[in-house]
Amino acid sequence: MKMSLFRNACGGVLLVVASLALFLITGCQQAETSNVAYPATASPRLVDLGPPACIPCALMAPGLKELKTEYAGRLEVEVIDTLLIPGAKAQYNAPFCATQIYIAASGKELYRHVGYASKQDMLGNWKTLGIDLNAPAAQPEPKKAIVP
């Protein structure tokens, strides 16, 4: 009896770990951009939506905090806890947690990603979009798009 309980517990843990690994691998993808017009801002914006209990969201939190500090005045970083602000998912048309939305200073949505993204991935996405975060604010509208 004790051995079968142990096997069932181990099997359950293995299933959870395998599911998490599968989510981290396949859950990281480009999501369809929205045609929603956001308010214009002085600099580009990165909006991250998800609850702190979401594992990819928790893993991204330190990188997002560093981006907010290191690129202050050149990039606005907004992290929205969708458990505290449930209407944000509808407002940003983001049904999945760990959604990052890249918005130009003009308010035009440029790109969105669902799943884990490292700080370097996020910086690379801005670069691919044609936005140099190391340059002063007030850059022109980017002409490139990210192609998956």
C-alpha atoms as a PDB file:
ATOM      1  CA  MET A   1       0.000   0.000   0.000  1.00  0.00           C
ATOM      2  CA  LYS A   2       2.727   2.483   0.965  1.00  0.00           C
ATOM      3  CA  MET A   3       4.704   1.699  -2.197  1.00  0.00           C
ATOM      4  CA  SER A   4       1.707   2.392  -4.475  1.00  0.00           C
ATOM      5  CA  LEU A   5       1.103   5.743  -2.762  1.00  0.00           C
ATOM      6  CA  PHE A   6       4.757   6.615  -3.301  1.00  0.00           C
ATOM      7  CA  ARG A   7       4.534   5.668  -7.007  1.00  0.00           C
ATOM      8  CA  ASN A   8       1.365   7.738  -7.438  1.00  0.00           C
ATOM      9  CA  ALA A   9       2.982  10.748  -5.734  1.00  0.00           C
ATOM     10  CA  CYS A  10       6.109  10.439  -7.879  1.00  0.00           C
ATOM     11  CA  GLY A  11       4.000  10.108 -10.993  1.00  0.00           C
ATOM     12  CA  GLY A  12       2.066  13.244 -10.066  1.00  0.00           C
ATOM     13  CA  VAL A  13       5.248  15.231  -9.506  1.00  0.00           C
ATOM     14  CA  LEU A  14       6.667  13.982 -12.801  1.00  0.00           C
ATOM     15  CA  LEU A  15       3.485  15.003 -14.598  1.00  0.00           C
ATOM     16  CA  VAL A  16       3.622  18.526 -13.130  1.00  0.00           C
ATOM     17  CA  VAL A  17       7.304  18.949 -14.043  1.00  0.00           C
ATOM     18  CA  ALA A  18       6.715  17.641 -17.581  1.00  0.00           C
ATOM     19  CA  SER A  19       3.721  19.962 -18.030  1.00  0.00           C
ATOM     20  CA  LEU A  20       5.729  22.959 -16.834  1.00  0.00           C
ATOM     21  CA  ALA A  21       8.587  22.129 -19.185  1.00  0.00           C
ATOM     22  CA  LEU A  22       6.168  21.729 -22.092  1.00  0.00           C
ATOM     23  CA  PHE A  23       4.535  25.093 -21.277  1.00  0.00           C
ATOM     24  CA  LEU A  24       7.879  26.875 -21.089  1.00  0.00           C
ATOM     25  CA  ILE A  25       8.977  25.384 -24.396  1.00  0.00           C
ATOM     26  CA  THR A  26       5.768  25.617 -26.422  1.00  0.00           C
ATOM     27  CA  GLY A  27       4.068  28.456 -24.554  1.00  0.00           C
ATOM     28  CA  CYS A  28       6.670  30.941 -25.741  1.00  0.00           C
ATOM     29  CA  GLN A  29       5.287  32.190 -28.988  1.00  0.00           C
ATOM     30  CA  GLN A  30       4.246  35.220 -30.908  1.00  0.00           C
ATOM     31  CA  ALA A  31       0.628  36.129 -30.340  1.00  0.00           C
ATOM     32  CA  GLU A  32      -1.522  37.938 -32.845  1.00  0.00           C
ATOM     33  CA  THR A  33      -1.127  41.693 -32.511  1.00  0.00           C
ATOM     34  CA  SER A  34      -4.171  43.748 -31.727  1.00  0.00           C
ATOM     35  CA  ASN A  35      -5.460  46.738 -33.693  1.00  0.00           C
ATOM     36  CA  VAL A  36      -6.230  48.580 -30.476  1.00  0.00           C
ATOM     37  CA  ALA A  37      -4.883  52.127 -30.392  1.00  0.00           C
ATOM     38  CA  TYR A  38      -3.177  52.944 -27.115  1.00  0.00           C
ATOM     39  CA  PRO A  39      -2.540  56.477 -25.851  1.00  0.00           C
ATOM     40  CA  ALA A  40       0.628  58.124 -27.156  1.00  0.00           C
ATOM     41  CA  THR A  41       3.451  58.386 -24.635  1.00  0.00           C
ATOM     42  CA  ALA A  42       6.847  60.073 -24.484  1.00  0.00           C
ATOM     43  CA  SER A  43       8.663  56.762 -25.013  1.00  0.00           C
ATOM     44  CA  PRO A  44       7.876  53.218 -26.150  1.00  0.00           C
ATOM     45  CA  ARG A  45       6.063  50.960 -23.692  1.00  0.00           C
ATOM     46  CA  LEU A  46       6.407  47.343 -22.688  1.00  0.00           C
ATOM     47  CA  VAL A  47       3.313  46.003 -20.951  1.00  0.00           C
ATOM     48  CA  ASP A  48       3.548  42.634 -19.209  1.00  0.00           C
ATOM     49  CA  LEU A  49       0.322  40.983 -18.082  1.00  0.00           C
ATOM     50  CA  GLY A  50       0.057  38.068 -15.690  1.00  0.00           C
ATOM     51  CA  PRO A  51      -0.256  37.134 -12.037  1.00  0.00           C
ATOM     52  CA  PRO A  52       2.839  36.756  -9.843  1.00  0.00           C
ATOM     53  CA  ALA A  53       1.852  33.104  -9.257  1.00  0.00           C
ATOM     54  CA  CYS A  54       2.392  32.394 -12.968  1.00  0.00           C
ATOM     55  CA  ILE A  55       5.804  30.717 -13.177  1.00  0.00           C
ATOM     56  CA  PRO A  56       6.983  32.448 -16.401  1.00  0.00           C
ATOM     57  CA  CYS A  57       5.778  35.785 -14.966  1.00  0.00           C
ATOM     58  CA  ALA A  58       7.720  35.203 -11.753  1.00  0.00           C
ATOM     59  CA  LEU A  59      10.833  34.260 -13.737  1.00  0.00           C
ATOM     60  CA  MET A  60      10.567  37.440 -15.846  1.00  0.00           C
ATOM     61  CA  ALA A  61       9.981  39.806 -12.901  1.00  0.00           C
ATOM     62  CA  PRO A  62      13.676  40.547 -12.153  1.00  0.00           C
ATOM     63  CA  GLY A  63      14.429  41.275 -15.832  1.00  0.00           C
ATOM     64  CA  LEU A  64      11.407  43.558 -16.160  1.00  0.00           C
ATOM     65  CA  LYS A  65      12.454  45.422 -13.020  1.00  0.00           C
ATOM     66  CA  GLU A  66      15.969  45.869 -14.434  1.00  0.00           C
ATOM     67  CA  LEU A  67      14.562  47.151 -17.757  1.00  0.00           C
ATOM     68  CA  LYS A  68      12.381  49.646 -15.902  1.00  0.00           C
ATOM     69  CA  THR A  69      15.385  50.958 -13.965  1.00  0.00           C
ATOM     70  CA  GLU A  70      18.087  50.833 -16.657  1.00  0.00           C
ATOM     71  CA  TYR A  71      15.966  52.356 -19.427  1.00  0.00           C
ATOM     72  CA  ALA A  72      14.020  54.921 -17.386  1.00  0.00           C
ATOM     73  CA  GLY A  73      13.095  57.857 -19.615  1.00  0.00           C
ATOM     74  CA  ARG A  74      13.587  55.761 -22.768  1.00  0.00           C
ATOM     75  CA  LEU A  75      11.208  52.859 -22.095  1.00  0.00           C
ATOM     76  CA  GLU A  76       8.094  52.638 -19.969  1.00  0.00           C
ATOM     77  CA  VAL A  77       7.697  49.207 -18.382  1.00  0.00           C
ATOM     78  CA  GLU A  78       4.315  48.370 -16.920  1.00  0.00           C
ATOM     79  CA  VAL A  79       3.733  45.072 -15.116  1.00  0.00           C
ATOM     80  CA  ILE A  80       0.056  44.349 -14.540  1.00  0.00           C
ATOM     81  CA  ASP A  81      -1.076  41.739 -12.023  1.00  0.00           C
ATOM     82  CA  THR A  82      -4.168  40.314 -13.732  1.00  0.00           C
ATOM     83  CA  LEU A  83      -5.469  38.895 -10.444  1.00  0.00           C
ATOM     84  CA  LEU A  84      -5.565  42.350  -8.868  1.00  0.00           C
ATOM     85  CA  ILE A  85      -6.772  44.039 -12.071  1.00  0.00           C
ATOM     86  CA  PRO A  86      -8.896  41.392 -13.847  1.00  0.00           C
ATOM     87  CA  GLY A  87     -10.223  43.879 -16.415  1.00  0.00           C
ATOM     88  CA  ALA A  88      -6.702  44.349 -17.802  1.00  0.00           C
ATOM     89  CA  LYS A  89      -6.885  41.076 -19.742  1.00  0.00           C
ATOM     90  CA  ALA A  90      -9.902  42.372 -21.674  1.00  0.00           C
ATOM     91  CA  GLN A  91      -8.494  45.905 -21.976  1.00  0.00           C
ATOM     92  CA  TYR A  92      -5.303  44.593 -23.609  1.00  0.00           C
ATOM     93  CA  ASN A  93      -6.982  41.646 -25.367  1.00  0.00           C
ATOM     94  CA  ALA A  94      -4.580  39.290 -23.583  1.00  0.00           C
ATOM     95  CA  PRO A  95      -6.359  36.070 -22.556  1.00  0.00           C
ATOM     96  CA  PHE A  96      -3.129  34.314 -21.542  1.00  0.00           C
ATOM     97  CA  CYS A  97      -0.806  35.079 -18.665  1.00  0.00           C
ATOM     98  CA  ALA A  98       2.779  36.024 -19.408  1.00  0.00           C
ATOM     99  CA  THR A  99       1.816  38.269 -22.325  1.00  0.00           C
ATOM    100  CA  GLN A 100       4.220  41.042 -23.271  1.00  0.00           C
ATOM    101  CA  ILE A 101       2.943  43.837 -25.509  1.00  0.00           C
ATOM    102  CA  TYR A 102       5.406  46.143 -27.303  1.00  0.00           C
ATOM    103  CA  ILE A 103       3.845  49.557 -27.962  1.00  0.00           C
ATOM    104  CA  ALA A 104       5.444  52.430 -29.897  1.00  0.00           C
ATOM    105  CA  ALA A 105       5.447  55.925 -28.399  1.00  0.00           C
ATOM    106  CA  SER A 106       2.726  56.782 -30.942  1.00  0.00           C
ATOM    107  CA  GLY A 107       0.437  54.213 -29.286  1.00  0.00           C
ATOM    108  CA  LYS A 108       0.641  51.677 -32.117  1.00  0.00           C
ATOM    109  CA  GLU A 109       1.001  48.063 -31.012  1.00  0.00           C
ATOM    110  CA  LEU A 110       4.091  46.633 -32.668  1.00  0.00           C
ATOM    111  CA  TYR A 111       4.375  43.099 -31.354  1.00  0.00           C
ATOM    112  CA  ARG A 112       3.153  40.758 -28.632  1.00  0.00           C
ATOM    113  CA  HIS A 113       4.599  37.611 -27.167  1.00  0.00           C
ATOM    114  CA  VAL A 114       3.065  34.955 -24.925  1.00  0.00           C
ATOM    115  CA  GLY A 115       5.237  32.991 -22.527  1.00  0.00           C
ATOM    116  CA  TYR A 116       8.633  33.459 -20.949  1.00  0.00           C
ATOM    117  CA  ALA A 117      11.043  36.003 -22.425  1.00  0.00           C
ATOM    118  CA  SER A 118      14.388  36.906 -20.882  1.00  0.00           C
ATOM    119  CA  LYS A 119      15.576  40.478 -20.520  1.00  0.00           C
ATOM    120  CA  GLN A 120      17.913  39.888 -23.473  1.00  0.00           C
ATOM    121  CA  ASP A 121      15.026  38.514 -25.556  1.00  0.00           C
ATOM    122  CA  MET A 122      12.968  41.631 -24.814  1.00  0.00           C
ATOM    123  CA  LEU A 123      15.865  43.944 -25.715  1.00  0.00           C
ATOM    124  CA  GLY A 124      16.405  41.937 -28.901  1.00  0.00           C
ATOM    125  CA  ASN A 125      12.730  42.321 -29.819  1.00  0.00           C
ATOM    126  CA  TRP A 126      12.973  46.116 -29.477  1.00  0.00           C
ATOM    127  CA  LYS A 127      16.086  46.097 -31.651  1.00  0.00           C
ATOM    128  CA  THR A 128      14.363  43.939 -34.289  1.00  0.00           C
ATOM    129  CA  LEU A 129      11.444  46.377 -34.248  1.00  0.00           C
ATOM    130  CA  GLY A 130      13.898  49.167 -35.095  1.00  0.00           C
ATOM    131  CA  ILE A 131      13.811  50.907 -31.714  1.00  0.00           C
ATOM    132  CA  ASP A 132      17.183  51.741 -30.199  1.00  0.00           C
ATOM    133  CA  LEU A 133      16.669  51.974 -26.454  1.00  0.00           C
ATOM    134  CA  ASN A 134      20.184  53.357 -26.034  1.00  0.00           C
ATOM    135  CA  ALA A 135      19.268  56.454 -28.057  1.00  0.00           C
ATOM    136  CA  PRO A 136      17.445  59.453 -26.557  1.00  0.00           C
ATOM    137  CA  ALA A 137      13.641  59.358 -26.418  1.00  0.00           C
ATOM    138  CA  ALA A 138      11.353  60.634 -29.213  1.00  0.00           C
ATOM    139  CA  GLN A 139      12.342  58.231 -31.979  1.00  0.00           C
ATOM    140  CA  PRO A 140      10.461  57.909 -35.265  1.00  0.00           C
ATOM    141  CA  GLU A 141       7.840  55.210 -35.841  1.00  0.00           C
ATOM    142  CA  PRO A 142       9.599  51.889 -36.588  1.00  0.00           C
ATOM    143  CA  LYS A 143       9.226  50.444 -40.072  1.00  0.00           C
ATOM    144  CA  LYS A 144      10.163  46.814 -39.341  1.00  0.00           C
ATOM    145  CA  ALA A 145       8.029  44.031 -37.987  1.00  0.00           C
ATOM    146  CA  ILE A 146       9.054  40.872 -36.249  1.00  0.00           C
ATOM    147  CA  VAL A 147       8.483  37.815 -38.370  1.00  0.00           C
ATOM    148  CA  PRO A 148       8.280  34.542 -36.433  1.00  0.00           C
END
